[in-house]
Protein backbone atom coordinates (compact mmCIF):
# COMPACT_ATOMS: atom_id res chain seq x y z
CA MET A 1 -12.46 -10.22 5.28
CA ASN A 2 -12.44 -12.61 8.14
CA ASN A 3 -10.81 -12.51 11.47
CA ARG A 4 -7.41 -12.23 10.19
CA ASP A 5 -6.43 -13.23 8.70
CA THR A 6 -5.10 -15.60 6.30
CA PHE A 7 -7.17 -13.79 3.69
CA LEU A 8 -5.84 -10.44 4.88
CA ASP A 9 -2.28 -11.76 4.60
CA PHE A 10 -3.13 -13.08 1.13
CA CYS A 11 -4.36 -9.61 0.10
CA LYS A 12 -1.23 -7.96 1.50
CA GLY A 13 0.90 -10.53 -0.33
CA ILE A 14 -0.77 -9.73 -3.65
CA ALA A 15 -0.50 -5.99 -2.92
CA ILE A 16 3.25 -6.13 -2.22
CA PHE A 17 3.72 -8.22 -5.36
CA LEU A 18 2.01 -5.46 -7.37
CA VAL A 19 4.29 -2.87 -5.76
CA VAL A 20 7.40 -4.81 -6.81
CA LEU A 21 5.92 -5.53 -10.25
CA GLY A 22 5.28 -1.82 -10.76
CA HIS A 23 8.92 -1.02 -9.95
CA VAL A 24 10.14 -3.80 -12.26
CA LEU A 25 7.96 -2.48 -15.09
CA GLU A 26 9.34 0.99 -14.43
CA LYS A 27 12.88 -0.26 -14.94
CA SER A 28 12.26 -2.66 -17.81
CA MET A 29 10.04 -0.79 -20.28
CA HIS A 30 10.89 1.80 -22.91
CA GLN A 31 7.87 3.77 -21.75
CA MET A 32 5.02 3.32 -19.32
CA ASN A 33 2.36 0.94 -20.63
CA ASN A 34 -1.23 -0.05 -20.01
CA LEU A 35 -0.41 -2.69 -17.39
CA TYR A 36 1.79 -0.24 -15.48
CA ASP A 37 -0.84 2.51 -15.67
CA PHE A 38 -3.61 0.17 -14.52
CA ILE A 39 -1.61 -1.16 -11.55
CA TYR A 40 -0.77 2.37 -10.42
CA LEU A 41 -4.43 3.35 -10.45
CA PHE A 42 -5.25 1.23 -7.42
CA HIS A 43 -2.40 -0.79 -5.89
CA MET A 44 -1.27 1.83 -3.35
CA PRO A 45 -4.83 2.89 -2.43
CA PHE A 46 -5.50 -0.82 -1.91
CA PHE A 47 -2.46 -1.15 0.36
CA PHE A 48 -3.59 1.81 2.48
CA MET A 49 -7.10 0.35 2.62
CA LEU A 50 -5.67 -2.88 4.06
CA SER A 51 -3.69 -0.85 6.63
CA GLY A 52 -6.87 0.97 7.61
CA TYR A 53 -8.71 -2.34 7.99
CA LEU A 54 -6.26 -3.28 10.74
CA ALA A 55 -6.92 0.01 12.55
CA TRP A 56 -10.40 -0.98 13.73
CA ARG A 57 -8.81 -3.49 16.11
CA VAL A 58 -6.87 -0.80 17.99
CA LYS A 59 -8.55 -0.03 21.31
CA ARG A 60 -6.18 2.51 22.87
CA PHE A 61 -5.25 5.74 21.13
CA ASP A 62 -2.55 7.07 23.43
CA ILE A 63 1.18 7.82 23.39
CA SER A 64 2.04 4.10 23.33
CA LEU A 65 0.44 3.81 19.88
CA PHE A 66 2.55 6.72 18.57
CA LYS A 67 5.69 5.10 19.97
CA LYS A 68 4.84 1.77 18.37
CA LYS A 69 4.19 3.34 14.96
CA ALA A 70 7.37 5.41 15.21
CA ARG A 71 9.31 2.19 15.81
CA THR A 72 7.63 0.07 13.14
CA LEU A 73 7.33 2.75 10.43
CA LEU A 74 9.67 5.70 11.02
CA LEU A 75 12.71 3.70 12.14
CA PRO A 76 12.89 1.50 8.99
CA CYS A 77 12.10 4.54 6.84
CA ILE A 78 15.03 6.53 8.24
CA VAL A 79 17.63 3.78 8.80
CA VAL A 80 17.05 1.65 5.68
CA GLY A 81 16.25 4.72 3.59
CA LEU A 82 19.60 6.27 4.53
CA LEU A 83 21.45 2.99 3.85
CA PHE A 84 19.88 2.80 0.39
CA THR A 85 20.72 6.46 -0.26
CA MET A 86 24.36 5.89 0.77
CA ILE A 87 24.58 3.13 -1.85
CA ASN A 88 22.48 4.65 -4.62
CA GLY A 89 23.00 8.37 -3.98
CA GLY A 90 20.40 11.12 -3.99
CA TYR A 91 20.57 12.65 -0.52
CA ASP A 92 18.53 15.68 -1.60
CA ALA A 93 15.85 13.41 -3.04
CA PHE A 94 15.71 11.38 0.17
CA LEU A 95 15.39 14.45 2.38
CA PHE A 96 13.30 16.82 0.28
CA SER A 97 11.51 14.88 -2.46
CA GLU A 98 8.03 13.61 -1.63
CA PHE A 99 9.14 10.15 -2.81
CA HIS A 100 12.07 9.97 -0.34
CA ASN A 101 13.92 7.59 -2.69
CA GLY A 102 10.97 5.19 -2.59
CA TYR A 103 10.43 5.14 1.18
CA TRP A 104 7.57 7.64 1.18
CA PHE A 105 5.02 4.92 2.00
CA LEU A 106 6.36 4.37 5.53
CA TRP A 107 6.48 8.10 6.28
CA SER A 108 2.99 8.76 4.89
CA LEU A 109 1.52 5.76 6.70
CA PHE A 110 3.04 7.03 9.97
CA CYS A 111 1.50 10.47 9.38
CA ILE A 112 -1.87 8.89 8.57
CA TRP A 113 -1.77 6.82 11.76
CA CYS A 114 -1.00 9.97 13.77
CA LEU A 115 -3.91 11.83 12.18
CA PHE A 116 -6.27 8.90 12.59
CA ALA A 117 -5.30 8.28 16.23
CA SER A 118 -5.72 11.97 17.09
CA VAL A 119 -9.18 12.09 15.51
CA LYS A 120 -10.25 8.84 17.17
CA TRP A 121 -9.07 10.18 20.53
CA PHE A 122 -11.20 13.30 19.95
CA ILE A 123 -14.24 11.19 18.97
CA SER A 124 -13.81 9.06 22.09
CA LEU A 125 -13.36 12.14 24.28
CA CYS A 126 -16.56 13.71 22.93
CA ARG A 127 -18.38 10.34 23.11
CA ILE A 128 -19.68 10.67 19.57
CA LYS A 129 -21.91 7.72 18.65
CA ASN A 130 -23.60 8.91 15.45
CA ILE A 131 -22.06 7.06 12.50
CA LEU A 132 -22.37 9.90 9.98
CA ILE A 133 -20.86 12.45 12.38
CA GLU A 134 -18.02 10.03 13.16
CA ILE A 135 -17.28 9.53 9.45
CA GLY A 136 -17.40 13.27 8.85
CA ILE A 137 -14.89 13.92 11.65
CA LEU A 138 -12.68 11.05 10.49
CA LEU A 139 -12.50 12.58 7.00
CA LEU A 140 -11.83 16.10 8.29
CA PRO A 141 -8.01 15.73 8.14
CA PHE A 142 -8.30 14.86 4.43
CA PHE A 143 -9.95 18.20 3.66
CA LEU A 144 -7.58 20.12 5.94
CA ILE A 145 -4.57 18.55 4.21
CA LYS A 146 -5.97 19.34 0.78
CA VAL A 147 -6.50 22.98 1.68
CA GLY A 148 -3.33 23.34 3.73
CA GLY A 149 -1.15 21.49 1.24
CA GLN A 150 -2.39 23.39 -1.79
CA TYR A 151 -2.75 26.92 -0.45
CA LEU A 152 -0.85 27.34 2.82
CA LEU A 153 2.41 25.36 2.54
CA SER A 154 5.29 25.91 0.16
CA PRO A 155 6.15 23.24 -2.46
CA ASN A 156 9.40 22.45 -0.60
CA ILE A 157 7.58 21.72 2.66
CA ASN A 158 4.95 19.75 0.76
CA GLY A 159 7.65 17.59 -0.76
CA CYS A 160 9.68 17.12 2.40
CA LEU A 161 6.65 16.01 4.43
CA SER A 162 4.98 14.09 1.56
CA ILE A 163 1.81 16.06 2.25
CA GLY A 164 0.36 15.14 -1.14
CA PHE A 165 0.69 11.39 -0.57
CA THR A 166 -0.60 11.61 3.00
CA GLY A 167 -3.68 13.53 1.90
CA ALA A 168 -4.31 11.38 -1.17
CA PHE A 169 -4.23 8.06 0.69
CA TYR A 170 -5.78 9.05 4.03
CA ARG A 171 -9.30 8.54 2.62
CA PHE A 172 -8.49 4.95 1.60
CA PHE A 173 -7.14 4.24 5.07
CA ILE A 174 -10.46 5.45 6.49
CA MET A 175 -12.34 3.33 3.96
CA GLY A 176 -10.47 0.24 5.19
CA TYR A 177 -11.20 1.19 8.80
CA LEU A 178 -14.94 1.45 8.07
CA ILE A 179 -14.92 -1.92 6.29
CA GLY A 180 -13.28 -3.50 9.32
CA LYS A 181 -15.46 -1.80 11.92
CA TYR A 182 -18.94 -2.35 10.50
CA ASP A 183 -20.05 -5.95 10.16
CA ASN A 184 -22.71 -5.15 7.57
CA ILE A 185 -20.06 -3.94 5.13
CA LYS A 186 -17.86 -6.98 5.83
CA LYS A 187 -20.75 -9.40 5.31
CA TRP A 188 -21.72 -7.66 2.08
CA LEU A 189 -18.16 -7.96 0.76
CA GLN A 190 -18.09 -11.65 1.72
CA ASN A 191 -21.27 -12.42 -0.24
CA ASN A 192 -20.47 -14.76 -3.14
CA LYS A 193 -22.73 -12.94 -5.62
CA VAL A 194 -21.15 -9.61 -4.71
CA ASN A 195 -17.69 -11.13 -5.16
CA ILE A 196 -18.57 -12.53 -8.59
CA ALA A 197 -20.03 -9.18 -9.67
CA GLY A 198 -16.96 -7.38 -8.31
CA MET A 199 -14.59 -9.76 -10.10
CA ILE A 200 -16.43 -9.22 -13.40
CA GLY A 201 -16.34 -5.46 -12.84
CA PHE A 202 -12.61 -5.53 -12.12
CA VAL A 203 -11.83 -7.56 -15.25
CA LEU A 204 -14.01 -5.24 -17.35
CA MET A 205 -12.23 -2.15 -15.99
CA PHE A 206 -8.88 -3.78 -16.78
CA LEU A 207 -9.95 -4.42 -20.38
CA ILE A 208 -11.48 -0.97 -20.75
CA SER A 209 -8.22 0.60 -19.51
CA TYR A 210 -6.55 -0.53 -22.76
CA PHE A 211 -8.85 1.75 -24.75
CA VAL A 212 -9.89 4.51 -22.33
CA ASP A 213 -7.96 6.36 -19.64
CA LEU A 214 -9.91 5.44 -16.50
CA LYS A 215 -8.79 8.67 -14.86
CA HIS A 216 -11.12 10.56 -17.18
CA ILE A 217 -14.29 8.44 -17.13
CA GLY A 218 -15.57 9.93 -13.86
CA PRO A 219 -14.45 11.38 -10.53
CA PHE A 220 -11.00 9.86 -10.00
CA THR A 221 -11.58 9.03 -6.32
CA ILE A 222 -14.75 7.10 -7.18
CA VAL A 223 -12.88 5.15 -9.87
CA GLN A 224 -10.14 4.23 -7.38
CA ILE A 225 -12.66 3.20 -4.70
CA LEU A 226 -14.50 0.98 -7.20
CA LEU A 227 -11.20 -0.56 -8.31
CA CYS A 228 -10.15 -1.27 -4.71
CA LEU A 229 -13.48 -2.86 -3.77
CA SER A 230 -13.78 -4.87 -7.01
CA PHE A 231 -10.16 -6.03 -6.62
CA LEU A 232 -10.96 -7.17 -3.08
CA CYS A 233 -13.86 -9.21 -4.49
CA PHE A 234 -11.58 -10.59 -7.21
CA LEU A 235 -9.04 -11.69 -4.58
CA ARG A 236 -11.76 -13.38 -2.53
CA ILE A 237 -12.70 -15.52 -5.56
CA LEU A 238 -9.01 -16.17 -6.31
CA TYR A 239 -8.30 -17.13 -2.69
CA ASN A 240 -11.07 -19.73 -2.75
CA ARG A 241 -9.88 -21.22 -6.05
CA LEU A 242 -6.09 -21.38 -5.70
CA SER A 243 -4.35 -24.38 -4.18
CA ASN A 244 -3.53 -24.24 -0.48
CA ARG A 245 0.20 -24.34 -1.24
CA ILE A 246 0.09 -21.26 -3.44
CA CYS A 247 -2.10 -19.38 -0.97
CA LYS A 248 0.29 -20.15 1.89
CA ARG A 249 3.23 -18.77 -0.09
CA ILE A 250 1.36 -15.57 -0.94
CA GLU A 251 0.29 -15.26 2.71
CA LYS A 252 3.96 -15.38 3.67
CA TYR A 253 4.59 -12.46 1.32
CA GLY A 254 1.83 -10.63 3.19
CA CYS A 255 3.25 -11.46 6.63
CA ARG A 256 6.64 -10.13 5.55
CA SER A 257 5.43 -7.31 3.34
CA LEU A 258 7.46 -4.77 5.36
CA ASP A 259 10.67 -6.76 4.77
CA ILE A 260 9.93 -6.96 1.06
CA TYR A 261 9.07 -3.28 0.78
CA VAL A 262 12.16 -1.89 2.53
CA PHE A 263 14.73 -4.28 1.02
CA HIS A 264 13.50 -4.96 -2.52
CA TYR A 265 15.03 -1.68 -3.72
CA PHE A 266 18.50 -3.11 -2.96
CA VAL A 267 17.76 -6.24 -4.98
CA LEU A 268 16.51 -4.14 -7.90
CA LEU A 269 19.90 -2.41 -7.98
CA LEU A 270 21.52 -5.77 -8.72
CA LEU A 271 19.31 -6.55 -11.71
CA ASN A 272 19.88 -5.40 -15.26
CA LEU A 273 16.35 -5.20 -16.59
CA THR A 274 17.15 -3.07 -19.65
CA ILE A 275 17.45 -6.22 -21.77
CA VAL A 276 13.70 -6.75 -21.31
CA LYS A 277 13.10 -3.67 -23.47
CA GLU A 278 14.28 -5.62 -26.51
CA PHE A 279 11.58 -8.28 -26.20
CA ALA A 280 8.13 -8.25 -27.80
CA ALA A 281 5.32 -6.89 -25.61
CA PRO A 282 3.84 -10.24 -24.41
CA ILE A 283 7.32 -11.52 -23.52
CA GLN A 284 8.05 -8.26 -21.71
CA TYR A 285 5.02 -8.74 -19.47
CA ILE A 286 5.84 -12.38 -18.72
CA THR A 287 9.48 -11.52 -18.01
CA ALA A 288 8.47 -8.61 -15.75
CA ILE A 289 6.08 -10.80 -13.73
CA PHE A 290 8.73 -13.51 -13.38
CA SER A 291 11.35 -10.90 -12.41
CA ALA A 292 9.05 -9.45 -9.74
CA TRP A 293 8.59 -12.92 -8.25
CA CYS A 294 12.38 -13.47 -8.28
CA VAL A 295 12.97 -10.10 -6.58
CA ILE A 296 10.56 -11.01 -3.79
CA GLU A 297 12.07 -14.46 -3.25
CA VAL A 298 15.63 -13.12 -3.22
CA THR A 299 14.59 -10.30 -0.87
CA LEU A 300 13.05 -12.76 1.58
CA PHE A 301 16.15 -14.97 1.42
CA LEU A 302 18.55 -12.08 2.05
CA SER A 303 16.42 -10.60 4.84
CA TYR A 304 16.20 -13.91 6.72
CA PRO A 305 19.40 -13.28 8.79
CA ILE A 306 18.06 -9.82 9.68
CA GLU A 307 14.85 -11.38 11.01
CA LYS A 308 16.92 -13.69 13.23
CA ASN A 309 19.12 -10.98 14.79
CA LYS A 310 17.25 -8.97 17.42
CA TYR A 311 19.28 -5.78 16.89
CA LEU A 312 19.06 -5.81 13.09
CA ARG A 313 15.39 -6.76 13.33
CA LEU A 314 14.73 -3.77 15.60
CA TYR A 315 16.69 -1.07 13.78
CA LEU A 316 16.05 -2.17 10.19
CA LEU A 317 12.50 -3.50 10.50
CA GLY A 318 11.22 -1.94 13.70
CA LYS A 319 10.36 -5.35 15.13
CA LYS A 320 11.04 -6.37 18.72
């Protein structure tokens, strides 16, 4: 990854496309399929990894950071989540289910930022310089959440606070932070031979997933980490091969990934995707990919007036 930026936006654009594609596949298939299963193995860990990559640039871990994250993450989660629930129903699911009617990502990312900022403040206070000790302390919340979530908290509290999601994705956030912070890792991931090897590995894992459940070929966390890193390499190759026009459009998706995430659920309500179930498998996939692209474009179009109004932009997107 380079200094921002365009490549990072490109990665975020691809990631948000996979999120929307996953939701389209969910609505348009008779049953979950190999493509859906493969996407859900890594696309959210990849998104959290990208969020963690941005964290290395933060210099101050004080109350102002908590306020900023509350505005940019919690406010859209609560306001837009409640608006969607008023239209679609499911108040209990929004309040008590760990999915929060689809808006769990914003809540979990806010919790992860709070955990990360608290740990970084402690590391800075203790002036810890040893890399291994720093990594160990950074990962401590992951183990505390696993123990606390499984053995100390009730299922209702776990669901309401999305403890499972926060714990599951915290480690990928830290992985992204370490990639961003240490130049040796960044340079290694920018090496052309490494990218080619990673791309080949990613394609092979995709093909293997049609015959073997990747969840069972080794430790699941290791499989997800390998998928995230190999996908990053794959995107680096793709970014250098695609036309500038296509890259710019995908970068725009990345720049407005929050808009797409919070509003695409409304657009999905307008679509009748059940007809896709009647098509043959290859046509289903093509239709789903095209539908995901249409959902993103319509979402961006409909959210444009919100971006231009300072009050709507603040309360619906958390942007000043």
